[in-house]
N, C-alpha and C. Protein backbone atom coordinates (compact mmCIF):
# COMPACT_ATOMS: atom_id res chain seq x y z
N MET A 1 76.54 16.02 261.42
CA MET A 1 77.31 15.78 262.36
C MET A 1 77.80 16.50 262.94
N ALA A 2 78.17 16.56 264.58
CA ALA A 2 78.73 16.57 265.65
C ALA A 2 80.06 17.16 265.38
N LYS A 3 80.67 17.75 265.73
CA LYS A 3 82.13 17.76 266.02
C LYS A 3 83.14 18.16 266.77
N LEU A 4 83.85 17.92 266.98
CA LEU A 4 85.32 19.14 267.93
C LEU A 4 85.88 19.73 267.73
N TYR A 5 85.80 20.92 267.82
CA TYR A 5 86.29 22.26 267.94
C TYR A 5 87.55 22.33 268.49
N PHE A 6 88.45 22.78 267.98
CA PHE A 6 89.73 23.21 268.90
C PHE A 6 90.00 24.62 268.40
N TYR A 7 89.52 25.84 269.28
CA TYR A 7 90.13 27.36 269.15
C TYR A 7 91.32 27.71 270.18
N TYR A 8 92.02 28.00 269.55
CA TYR A 8 93.51 28.30 269.68
C TYR A 8 94.46 29.39 269.84
N ALA A 9 95.17 30.09 270.61
CA ALA A 9 95.68 31.33 270.09
C ALA A 9 96.83 31.13 271.78
N ALA A 10 97.18 32.66 271.97
CA ALA A 10 98.33 33.28 272.16
C ALA A 10 97.82 33.90 273.61
N MET A 11 97.96 34.05 274.91
CA MET A 11 97.56 34.59 275.23
C MET A 11 96.64 36.21 275.20
N ASN A 12 95.47 36.55 275.72
CA ASN A 12 94.83 38.31 275.45
C ASN A 12 94.85 38.21 273.68
N ALA A 13 94.06 36.67 273.15
CA ALA A 13 93.59 36.63 272.01
C ALA A 13 92.00 36.89 272.04
N GLY A 14 91.37 37.10 273.18
CA GLY A 14 90.17 36.75 273.60
C GLY A 14 88.88 35.66 273.08
N LYS A 15 89.76 34.44 273.77
CA LYS A 15 89.27 32.73 273.98
C LYS A 15 88.59 32.60 274.13
N SER A 16 88.24 33.54 275.94
CA SER A 16 87.31 33.09 277.05
C SER A 16 85.85 34.21 276.27
N THR A 17 86.41 35.31 275.98
CA THR A 17 85.06 36.60 275.12
C THR A 17 84.56 35.61 273.74
N THR A 18 85.07 34.89 273.00
CA THR A 18 84.35 33.88 271.89
C THR A 18 83.87 32.94 272.35
N LEU A 19 84.30 32.35 273.32
CA LEU A 19 83.66 31.24 273.88
C LEU A 19 82.27 31.37 274.45
N LEU A 20 82.08 32.86 275.29
CA LEU A 20 80.72 33.22 275.68
C LEU A 20 79.69 34.07 274.82
N GLN A 21 80.68 34.78 273.49
CA GLN A 21 79.88 35.31 272.61
C GLN A 21 79.00 33.16 272.17
N ALA A 22 79.78 32.44 271.55
CA ALA A 22 78.94 31.15 270.66
C ALA A 22 78.17 30.64 272.20
N ASP A 23 78.42 30.64 273.68
CA ASP A 23 77.49 30.16 274.76
C ASP A 23 76.15 31.51 274.24
N PHE A 24 76.48 32.48 274.17
CA PHE A 24 75.12 33.45 274.29
C PHE A 24 74.22 33.32 272.95
N ASN A 25 74.72 32.77 271.69
CA ASN A 25 74.62 32.63 270.32
C ASN A 25 73.67 31.40 270.53
N TYR A 26 73.87 30.31 271.64
CA TYR A 26 73.38 28.95 271.67
C TYR A 26 72.15 29.31 272.26
N ARG A 27 72.36 30.35 273.14
CA ARG A 27 70.97 29.66 274.53
C ARG A 27 70.65 31.30 273.67
N GLU A 28 70.27 32.27 272.67
CA GLU A 28 69.23 33.27 271.99
C GLU A 28 68.33 32.57 271.27
N ARG A 29 69.00 31.62 271.30
CA ARG A 29 68.09 30.28 269.64
C ARG A 29 67.11 29.03 270.69
N GLY A 30 67.74 29.59 271.97
CA GLY A 30 66.79 28.55 272.84
C GLY A 30 67.35 27.62 272.76
N MET A 31 68.31 26.60 273.17
CA MET A 31 69.65 26.04 272.53
C MET A 31 69.81 25.82 274.01
N ALA A 32 70.72 24.89 274.26
CA ALA A 32 70.88 24.45 275.84
C ALA A 32 72.21 23.99 275.97
N THR A 33 73.21 24.83 276.57
CA THR A 33 74.38 24.44 275.97
C THR A 33 75.57 24.11 278.01
N MET A 34 76.51 23.61 277.91
CA MET A 34 77.09 23.02 279.21
C MET A 34 78.68 23.75 279.18
N LEU A 35 78.60 24.63 280.04
CA LEU A 35 80.15 25.01 280.25
C LEU A 35 81.03 24.49 281.09
N TRP A 36 82.42 24.15 280.75
CA TRP A 36 83.08 23.61 281.67
C TRP A 36 84.86 24.38 281.79
N THR A 37 85.44 25.02 282.52
CA THR A 37 86.96 25.71 282.79
C THR A 37 87.47 24.80 283.89
N ALA A 38 88.80 25.39 283.59
CA ALA A 38 89.57 24.31 284.44
C ALA A 38 89.80 24.50 285.82
N ASN A 39 89.54 23.68 287.17
CA ASN A 39 89.80 24.14 288.60
C ASN A 39 90.78 24.47 288.71
N LEU A 40 91.55 24.73 287.72
CA LEU A 40 93.21 25.20 288.25
C LEU A 40 92.80 27.00 288.48
N ASP A 41 92.30 27.52 287.73
CA ASP A 41 92.17 28.96 287.07
C ASP A 41 91.05 29.56 288.04
N HIS A 42 91.64 30.22 289.34
CA HIS A 42 90.40 31.31 289.71
C HIS A 42 90.65 32.33 289.83
N ARG A 43 91.10 33.23 288.44
CA ARG A 43 91.15 34.82 288.28
C ARG A 43 90.28 35.28 288.45
N GLN A 44 88.90 34.96 288.01
CA GLN A 44 87.75 35.12 287.87
C GLN A 44 86.98 34.25 288.93
N GLY A 45 87.74 33.68 289.91
CA GLY A 45 86.98 33.02 290.82
C GLY A 45 86.67 31.62 290.49
N ALA A 46 86.07 30.57 291.51
CA ALA A 46 86.19 29.23 291.20
C ALA A 46 84.66 29.06 290.35
N GLY A 47 85.37 28.34 289.49
CA GLY A 47 84.04 27.90 288.18
C GLY A 47 83.39 28.93 287.92
N VAL A 48 83.99 29.81 286.86
CA VAL A 48 83.82 31.31 286.50
C VAL A 48 84.70 31.36 285.29
N ILE A 49 83.56 31.39 284.03
CA ILE A 49 84.72 31.71 282.94
C ILE A 49 84.29 33.41 283.04
N GLY A 50 85.61 33.83 282.54
CA GLY A 50 85.54 35.53 282.91
C GLY A 50 86.51 35.57 281.67
N SER A 51 86.12 36.78 280.86
CA SER A 51 86.93 37.81 279.71
C SER A 51 87.66 38.84 280.66
N ARG A 52 88.26 39.28 279.63
CA ARG A 52 88.69 40.91 279.59
C ARG A 52 88.41 42.00 279.62
N ILE A 53 87.00 41.48 278.79
CA ILE A 53 86.33 42.94 278.48
C ILE A 53 84.56 43.26 279.96
N GLY A 54 85.27 42.17 280.73
CA GLY A 54 84.13 42.25 281.85
C GLY A 54 83.00 40.96 281.67
N LEU A 55 82.68 40.47 280.94
CA LEU A 55 81.98 39.49 280.66
C LEU A 55 82.32 37.87 281.22
N GLU A 56 81.04 37.19 282.07
CA GLU A 56 81.83 36.40 282.57
C GLU A 56 79.81 35.32 283.43
N THR A 57 80.12 34.57 283.23
CA THR A 57 79.26 33.13 283.55
C THR A 57 79.75 32.11 284.26
N GLU A 58 78.45 31.39 284.99
CA GLU A 58 78.84 30.54 285.82
C GLU A 58 80.07 29.19 284.82
N ALA A 59 80.62 27.85 285.71
CA ALA A 59 80.98 26.81 284.89
C ALA A 59 80.85 25.89 285.43
N ASN A 60 80.41 24.36 285.27
CA ASN A 60 81.28 23.73 285.74
C ASN A 60 83.18 23.64 285.86
N ARG A 61 83.72 22.54 286.78
CA ARG A 61 85.02 22.84 286.83
C ARG A 61 85.47 21.38 286.71
N TYR A 62 86.10 21.13 285.85
CA TYR A 62 86.86 19.38 285.60
C TYR A 62 88.79 20.07 286.09
N SER A 63 88.72 18.58 287.02
CA SER A 63 90.24 18.87 287.06
C SER A 63 90.67 17.44 286.65
N ASP A 64 92.05 16.66 286.77
CA ASP A 64 92.85 15.70 285.79
C ASP A 64 91.76 14.02 285.80
N ASP A 65 91.25 14.15 287.31
CA ASP A 65 90.10 13.16 287.04
C ASP A 65 88.87 13.02 287.03
N THR A 66 88.50 14.29 285.95
CA THR A 66 87.13 14.50 285.87
C THR A 66 86.90 13.64 284.83
N ASN A 67 85.69 12.99 284.81
CA ASN A 67 85.15 11.73 283.21
C ASN A 67 84.17 12.75 282.97
N LEU A 68 84.59 13.33 281.48
CA LEU A 68 83.74 14.46 281.15
C LEU A 68 82.40 13.65 280.32
N PHE A 69 82.75 12.40 279.65
CA PHE A 69 81.94 11.53 279.13
C PHE A 69 80.87 11.48 280.31
N ASP A 70 80.72 11.08 281.26
CA ASP A 70 79.78 10.45 282.14
C ASP A 70 79.50 11.74 282.57
N ALA A 71 79.80 12.71 282.79
CA ALA A 71 79.46 13.72 283.76
C ALA A 71 78.13 14.68 282.19
N VAL A 72 78.57 14.35 281.43
CA VAL A 72 77.69 14.85 280.07
C VAL A 72 76.37 14.38 280.08
N VAL A 73 76.79 12.50 279.99
CA VAL A 73 75.55 11.49 280.21
C VAL A 73 74.82 11.76 281.68
N ARG A 74 75.19 12.00 282.21
CA ARG A 74 74.08 12.29 283.75
C ARG A 74 73.72 14.10 283.39
N GLU A 75 73.92 14.69 283.05
CA GLU A 75 73.40 16.32 282.90
C GLU A 75 72.52 15.74 281.88
N LEU A 76 72.40 14.86 280.45
CA LEU A 76 71.61 14.62 280.14
C LEU A 76 70.26 13.82 279.92
N ILE A 77 70.53 13.22 281.43
CA ILE A 77 69.04 12.51 282.23
C ILE A 77 67.87 13.83 282.23
N ARG A 78 69.16 14.94 282.81
CA ARG A 78 68.36 16.09 283.59
C ARG A 78 67.49 17.10 282.37
N ARG A 79 68.50 17.03 281.43
CA ARG A 79 67.85 17.92 280.42
C ARG A 79 68.54 17.80 278.72
N LYS A 80 68.11 18.50 278.23
CA LYS A 80 68.79 18.23 276.47
C LYS A 80 69.81 19.15 276.66
N LEU A 81 70.98 18.40 276.02
CA LEU A 81 72.34 19.80 275.43
C LEU A 81 72.30 20.13 274.46
N ASP A 82 72.37 21.03 273.15
CA ASP A 82 72.88 21.27 271.86
C ASP A 82 74.25 21.58 271.49
N CYS A 83 74.72 21.75 273.11
CA CYS A 83 76.46 22.06 272.59
C CYS A 83 77.30 21.87 274.30
N ILE A 84 78.17 21.57 274.34
CA ILE A 84 79.83 21.53 274.91
C ILE A 84 80.84 22.50 274.71
N LEU A 85 80.69 23.44 275.89
CA LEU A 85 82.21 24.60 275.64
C LEU A 85 83.04 24.24 276.73
N VAL A 86 84.38 24.33 276.03
CA VAL A 86 84.44 24.10 277.72
C VAL A 86 86.26 24.78 277.50
N ASP A 87 87.20 25.92 278.44
CA ASP A 87 87.32 26.46 278.13
C ASP A 87 89.06 26.06 278.87
N GLU A 88 89.86 26.95 278.11
CA GLU A 88 90.96 26.73 279.24
C GLU A 88 91.61 25.31 278.81
N ALA A 89 91.12 24.68 277.93
CA ALA A 89 90.88 23.81 277.25
C ALA A 89 92.49 23.01 277.19
N GLN A 90 93.69 23.50 277.32
CA GLN A 90 95.04 23.15 277.73
C GLN A 90 95.24 22.58 278.72
N PHE A 91 94.48 22.45 279.62
CA PHE A 91 95.08 21.82 280.91
C PHE A 91 94.26 20.25 280.72
N LEU A 92 93.30 20.09 279.68
CA LEU A 92 92.58 18.67 279.62
C LEU A 92 93.78 18.34 279.57
N ALA A 93 93.33 16.57 279.66
CA ALA A 93 94.02 15.59 280.00
C ALA A 93 94.09 14.52 278.62
N ARG A 94 94.99 14.01 278.22
CA ARG A 94 94.46 13.11 276.40
C ARG A 94 92.90 12.44 276.79
N ASP A 95 93.45 11.74 277.95
CA ASP A 95 91.85 11.13 278.64
C ASP A 95 90.65 11.66 278.24
N GLN A 96 90.62 12.88 278.59
CA GLN A 96 89.55 13.72 278.81
C GLN A 96 89.24 14.52 277.33
N VAL A 97 90.62 14.49 276.27
CA VAL A 97 90.12 14.69 275.19
C VAL A 97 89.81 13.53 274.71
N LEU A 98 89.79 12.40 274.65
CA LEU A 98 88.82 11.40 274.12
C LEU A 98 87.83 11.69 274.79
N GLN A 99 87.44 11.38 275.73
CA GLN A 99 86.00 11.38 276.40
C GLN A 99 84.93 12.53 275.27
N LEU A 100 85.86 13.53 275.32
CA LEU A 100 85.51 14.66 274.28
C LEU A 100 84.91 14.16 272.94
N CYS A 101 85.80 12.98 272.19
CA CYS A 101 85.88 12.41 270.80
C CYS A 101 84.05 11.92 270.93
N ARG A 102 84.17 11.02 272.26
CA ARG A 102 82.70 10.14 272.42
C ARG A 102 81.99 11.01 272.73
N ILE A 103 81.99 12.54 273.15
CA ILE A 103 80.64 13.43 273.18
C ILE A 103 80.09 13.59 271.58
N THR A 104 81.24 14.05 271.34
CA THR A 104 80.41 14.20 269.26
C THR A 104 80.08 12.99 268.83
N ASP A 105 81.28 12.05 268.79
CA ASP A 105 80.72 10.34 267.90
C ASP A 105 79.02 9.43 268.55
N GLU A 106 79.88 10.09 269.51
CA GLU A 106 78.56 9.01 270.71
C GLU A 106 77.60 9.61 271.05
N LEU A 107 77.30 10.83 271.25
CA LEU A 107 76.35 11.77 271.61
C LEU A 107 75.38 12.94 270.99
N LYS A 108 76.26 12.53 270.19
CA LYS A 108 76.52 13.66 268.77
C LYS A 108 76.11 14.89 269.22
N ILE A 109 76.92 15.55 269.99
CA ILE A 109 76.69 16.97 270.98
C ILE A 109 78.28 17.46 270.68
N PRO A 110 78.11 19.10 269.42
CA PRO A 110 79.37 19.40 269.41
C PRO A 110 79.84 19.87 270.28
N VAL A 111 81.38 19.83 270.74
CA VAL A 111 81.95 20.45 271.67
C VAL A 111 83.05 21.34 271.26
N LEU A 112 82.46 22.65 271.68
CA LEU A 112 84.10 23.91 271.30
C LEU A 112 84.84 23.69 272.53
N CYS A 113 86.46 23.70 272.19
CA CYS A 113 87.54 23.82 273.43
C CYS A 113 88.11 24.89 272.76
N TYR A 114 88.31 26.12 273.42
CA TYR A 114 88.80 27.11 273.66
C TYR A 114 90.60 27.32 274.67
N GLY A 115 91.35 26.94 274.07
CA GLY A 115 92.65 27.03 274.88
C GLY A 115 93.60 27.90 274.26
N LEU A 116 94.87 27.73 274.71
CA LEU A 116 96.05 27.49 274.40
C LEU A 116 97.01 26.47 273.77
N ARG A 117 98.14 26.92 272.51
CA ARG A 117 98.83 25.87 272.08
C ARG A 117 100.02 25.71 272.76
N THR A 118 100.61 26.93 272.88
CA THR A 118 102.32 26.13 274.13
C THR A 118 101.81 27.11 275.12
N ASP A 119 102.95 26.16 276.04
CA ASP A 119 103.57 27.45 277.11
C ASP A 119 104.62 28.32 277.09
N PHE A 120 104.61 28.77 278.25
CA PHE A 120 106.08 29.99 277.91
C PHE A 120 107.56 29.23 277.78
N GLN A 121 107.76 28.07 276.97
CA GLN A 121 108.74 27.85 276.46
C GLN A 121 109.13 26.70 275.48
N ALA A 122 107.68 27.21 274.96
CA ALA A 122 107.47 27.02 273.56
C ALA A 122 107.14 24.96 273.45
N ASN A 123 106.04 24.39 274.57
CA ASN A 123 105.92 23.30 274.38
C ASN A 123 104.16 22.99 273.96
N LEU A 124 103.93 22.30 273.25
CA LEU A 124 102.86 22.00 273.31
C LEU A 124 101.83 21.62 275.20
N PHE A 125 101.10 22.06 274.81
CA PHE A 125 100.07 21.39 276.78
C PHE A 125 99.70 20.12 276.48
N PRO A 126 99.75 19.41 276.98
CA PRO A 126 98.67 18.08 276.88
C PRO A 126 97.74 18.10 275.86
N GLY A 127 97.02 19.07 276.77
CA GLY A 127 95.14 18.74 276.00
C GLY A 127 95.80 19.77 274.36
N SER A 128 96.41 21.03 274.76
CA SER A 128 96.84 21.07 273.11
C SER A 128 97.00 20.04 271.82
N ALA A 129 98.23 19.14 272.40
CA ALA A 129 98.50 18.65 271.80
C ALA A 129 97.63 17.34 271.31
N ALA A 130 97.10 16.99 272.59
CA ALA A 130 95.82 16.11 272.16
C ALA A 130 94.84 16.68 271.01
N LEU A 131 94.03 17.63 271.40
CA LEU A 131 93.19 18.70 270.08
C LEU A 131 93.93 18.47 269.57
N LEU A 132 95.01 19.18 269.06
CA LEU A 132 95.38 19.59 267.46
C LEU A 132 95.91 17.69 266.75
N ALA A 133 95.60 16.62 267.63
CA ALA A 133 95.70 15.16 266.52
C ALA A 133 94.09 14.93 266.19
N LEU A 134 93.20 15.29 267.57
CA LEU A 134 92.04 15.38 267.18
C LEU A 134 90.90 15.37 266.98
N ALA A 135 90.61 16.76 266.44
CA ALA A 135 89.51 17.87 266.38
C ALA A 135 89.58 17.40 265.10
N ASP A 136 87.97 17.66 265.02
CA ASP A 136 87.74 17.99 263.58
C ASP A 136 88.28 19.02 263.08
N SER A 137 88.29 20.46 263.75
CA SER A 137 88.34 21.29 263.19
C SER A 137 89.01 22.66 264.16
N LEU A 138 90.43 22.54 263.35
CA LEU A 138 91.17 23.83 263.79
C LEU A 138 91.36 25.06 263.41
N THR A 139 91.17 26.01 264.37
CA THR A 139 90.86 27.58 264.56
C THR A 139 91.72 28.37 265.09
N GLU A 140 92.69 29.48 264.34
CA GLU A 140 93.74 29.45 265.09
C GLU A 140 93.12 31.24 265.49
N LEU A 141 92.50 31.31 266.76
CA LEU A 141 92.62 33.26 267.08
C LEU A 141 93.67 33.60 267.28
N LYS A 142 94.08 35.08 266.67
CA LYS A 142 94.64 35.87 266.57
C LYS A 142 94.76 36.81 267.77
N ALA A 143 96.04 37.04 268.53
CA ALA A 143 96.66 37.91 269.26
C ALA A 143 97.54 38.43 268.18
N VAL A 144 98.06 39.71 269.28
CA VAL A 144 98.91 40.71 268.44
C VAL A 144 100.31 41.20 269.38
N CYS A 145 101.36 41.02 269.11
CA CYS A 145 102.51 41.25 269.46
C CYS A 145 102.88 42.87 269.26
N GLU A 146 103.58 43.40 270.61
CA GLU A 146 103.99 44.60 270.45
C GLU A 146 104.24 45.53 269.16
N CYS A 147 105.21 44.27 268.68
CA CYS A 147 105.58 45.15 266.98
C CYS A 147 104.42 45.73 266.13
N GLY A 148 103.06 44.73 266.24
CA GLY A 148 102.22 44.65 265.02
C GLY A 148 102.18 43.15 264.56
N ARG A 149 102.85 42.48 264.42
CA ARG A 149 102.41 41.27 263.97
C ARG A 149 101.66 40.23 264.55
N LYS A 150 101.65 38.96 264.09
CA LYS A 150 100.85 37.79 264.75
C LYS A 150 101.63 37.60 266.12
N ALA A 151 100.68 37.46 267.20
CA ALA A 151 101.66 36.49 268.63
C ALA A 151 100.89 35.53 268.74
N THR A 152 102.01 34.58 268.27
CA THR A 152 101.55 33.35 268.64
C THR A 152 102.53 32.73 269.72
N MET A 153 103.29 33.04 270.66
CA MET A 153 103.99 32.91 271.97
C MET A 153 103.66 33.97 272.98
N ASN A 154 104.13 32.17 273.99
CA ASN A 154 103.39 33.51 275.62
C ASN A 154 104.51 33.33 276.37
N LEU A 155 105.12 34.92 276.85
CA LEU A 155 105.99 35.14 276.94
C LEU A 155 106.19 35.03 279.16
N ARG A 156 106.76 34.23 280.09
CA ARG A 156 106.30 34.15 280.88
C ARG A 156 107.05 35.37 281.31
N VAL A 157 106.93 35.92 282.38
CA VAL A 157 107.74 37.15 283.09
C VAL A 157 108.05 37.07 284.84
N ASP A 158 109.06 37.85 285.10
CA ASP A 158 108.85 37.59 286.76
C ASP A 158 109.02 39.31 286.78
N GLU A 159 108.45 39.48 288.12
CA GLU A 159 107.96 40.58 289.00
C GLU A 159 109.06 42.58 287.98
N ASP A 160 109.61 41.78 287.78
CA ASP A 160 110.86 42.95 287.25
C ASP A 160 110.39 43.09 284.91
N GLY A 161 109.98 42.29 284.99
CA GLY A 161 109.61 42.24 283.56
C GLY A 161 110.42 41.27 282.68
N HIS A 162 111.58 41.03 283.17
CA HIS A 162 112.64 40.13 282.31
C HIS A 162 111.88 38.61 282.41
N ALA A 163 112.07 37.96 281.38
CA ALA A 163 111.42 36.82 281.04
C ALA A 163 111.94 35.65 281.79
N VAL A 164 111.08 34.69 281.65
CA VAL A 164 111.78 33.56 282.68
C VAL A 164 111.59 32.30 281.69
N VAL A 165 112.91 32.17 282.12
CA VAL A 165 113.20 31.25 281.00
C VAL A 165 113.68 28.99 281.72
N ALA A 166 113.11 29.16 283.28
CA ALA A 166 112.87 27.63 283.85
C ALA A 166 112.02 27.63 284.26
N GLY A 167 110.95 26.54 285.06
CA GLY A 167 110.02 26.37 285.63
C GLY A 167 108.96 25.52 285.29
N ALA A 168 107.97 25.42 286.20
CA ALA A 168 106.78 24.31 286.41
C ALA A 168 105.52 25.23 284.91
N GLN A 169 105.82 23.86 284.20
CA GLN A 169 104.83 24.59 283.07
C GLN A 169 103.63 25.33 283.20
N THR A 170 102.64 24.73 284.25
CA THR A 170 101.71 25.50 284.69
C THR A 170 101.85 26.38 285.63
N GLU A 171 101.35 27.61 285.31
CA GLU A 171 101.29 28.85 286.38
C GLU A 171 100.26 30.18 285.79
N ILE A 172 99.34 30.12 286.72
CA ILE A 172 98.28 31.12 286.68
C ILE A 172 98.33 32.19 286.71
N GLY A 173 98.35 32.93 285.43
CA GLY A 173 98.81 34.65 285.58
C GLY A 173 97.99 35.26 284.60
N GLY A 174 98.16 36.23 284.64
CA GLY A 174 97.31 37.35 283.48
C GLY A 174 98.42 38.46 282.95
N ASN A 175 98.22 39.37 282.63
CA ASN A 175 99.04 40.74 281.80
C ASN A 175 100.55 40.44 282.68
N ASP A 176 100.06 40.31 284.65
CA ASP A 176 101.34 40.66 285.19
C ASP A 176 102.45 39.62 284.73
N ARG A 177 102.04 38.36 284.22
CA ARG A 177 102.84 37.40 284.81
C ARG A 177 103.07 36.76 282.76
N TYR A 178 102.28 37.19 282.24
CA TYR A 178 102.55 36.76 280.25
C TYR A 178 102.00 37.82 279.45
N ILE A 179 103.14 37.23 278.08
CA ILE A 179 103.04 38.20 276.97
C ILE A 179 102.94 37.89 276.25
N ALA A 180 102.06 38.07 275.08
CA ALA A 180 101.44 37.44 274.20
C ALA A 180 102.69 37.99 272.69
N LEU A 181 103.64 37.39 272.26
CA LEU A 181 105.02 37.90 271.59
C LEU A 181 104.93 37.36 270.58
N CYS A 182 104.98 37.58 269.15
CA CYS A 182 105.45 37.05 267.47
C CYS A 182 107.25 36.29 268.43
N ARG A 183 107.11 35.14 267.46
CA ARG A 183 108.37 34.22 266.96
C ARG A 183 109.69 35.23 267.83
N ARG A 184 109.68 35.93 266.98
CA ARG A 184 111.09 36.59 266.81
C ARG A 184 111.29 37.39 268.37
N HIS A 185 110.08 38.28 268.70
CA HIS A 185 110.43 38.96 269.54
C HIS A 185 110.36 37.91 270.86
N PHE A 186 109.67 36.58 270.69
CA PHE A 186 109.94 35.74 272.44
C PHE A 186 110.76 35.75 272.15
N PHE A 187 111.38 34.64 270.92
CA PHE A 187 113.06 35.07 271.15
C PHE A 187 114.01 35.45 271.61
N GLU A 188 113.74 36.58 271.00
CA GLU A 188 114.85 37.35 271.99
C GLU A 188 114.72 37.80 272.89
N ARG A 189 113.45 38.04 273.67
CA ARG A 189 113.66 38.23 275.48
C ARG A 189 114.83 37.11 275.38
N LEU A 190 114.14 36.15 275.58
CA LEU A 190 114.56 34.68 275.80
C LEU A 190 115.80 34.82 276.08
N ARG A 191 116.81 35.30 274.82
CA ARG A 191 118.24 35.07 275.00
C ARG A 191 118.66 36.51 275.79
N GLU A 192 117.81 37.57 275.66
CA GLU A 192 118.31 38.46 277.02
C GLU A 192 118.17 37.89 277.97
N SER A 193 117.60 37.39 278.26
CA SER A 193 117.14 37.01 280.11
C SER A 193 118.09 36.01 279.85
N GLU A 194 118.63 34.63 279.35
CA GLU A 194 119.66 34.10 279.57
C GLU A 194 121.36 34.94 279.86
N ALA A 195 121.28 35.73 278.76
CA ALA A 195 122.45 36.71 278.91
C ALA A 195 123.01 37.42 280.21
N ARG A 196 121.52 37.41 280.37
CA ARG A 196 121.33 38.48 281.67
C ARG A 196 122.04 37.67 283.20
N GLN A 197 121.26 36.52 282.40
CA GLN A 197 121.34 35.71 284.03
C GLN A 197 123.15 35.33 284.19
N LEU A 198 123.39 34.91 282.91
CA LEU A 198 124.69 34.38 282.79
C LEU A 198 125.68 35.78 283.06
N SER A 199 125.02 36.97 283.09
CA SER A 199 126.71 38.43 283.65
C SER A 199 126.32 38.15 285.12
N LEU A 200 125.08 38.04 285.13
CA LEU A 200 124.61 38.23 287.05
C LEU A 200 125.74 36.60 287.93
N ALA A 201 126.01 35.92 286.93
CA ALA A 201 126.69 34.10 287.75
C ALA A 201 128.06 35.06 287.70
N ILE A 202 128.64 35.44 286.35
CA ILE A 202 130.13 35.89 286.53
C ILE A 202 130.74 36.19 287.60
N PRO A 203 132.01 35.92 288.10
CA PRO A 203 131.96 37.50 289.56
C PRO A 203 133.10 38.61 288.82
N ARG A 204 132.12 39.22 289.79
CA ARG A 204 133.37 40.75 288.93
C ARG A 204 134.23 41.20 289.83
């Protein structure tokens, strides 16, 4: 039976690398895949899934108004599909996650989604929240904090390396903008930044 899978992690846990390995495994066995990535992320180029270790491949791009179910149905007219793989799944809308559910339930095609669980303020992304609620299988990929513990949080930093405590939920960036930390050090860095901002605001 086809299932909807969600592989989630903090930054730098190898999510895209794991997706590309899964895609390779399917294709090595003569199976056909269809890859998707968010239209927001152009760090590797538009419509490219790339990993930090240098692997990359082309993918279809989805935006807020993309109907993934209809797109897969159209692709099935052209060729057989054995698996759908979705990178940056935190940017999916809830309706799109429901469309992925239909792909597994009605079209009988497994869907593998990879993405962040929470943003820089420790809030769930809409896509991640929907996947945590609806996916058949949930798997946490491990990232490592600077202290050696498991990293579960994504700290956004400014150009000077100070924690950013407010702003838009979505801001594309890599190691220059985000640091994967354990919960303890995530909140320590936020408190340090808040104290620093308060001290700067006090007249001397």
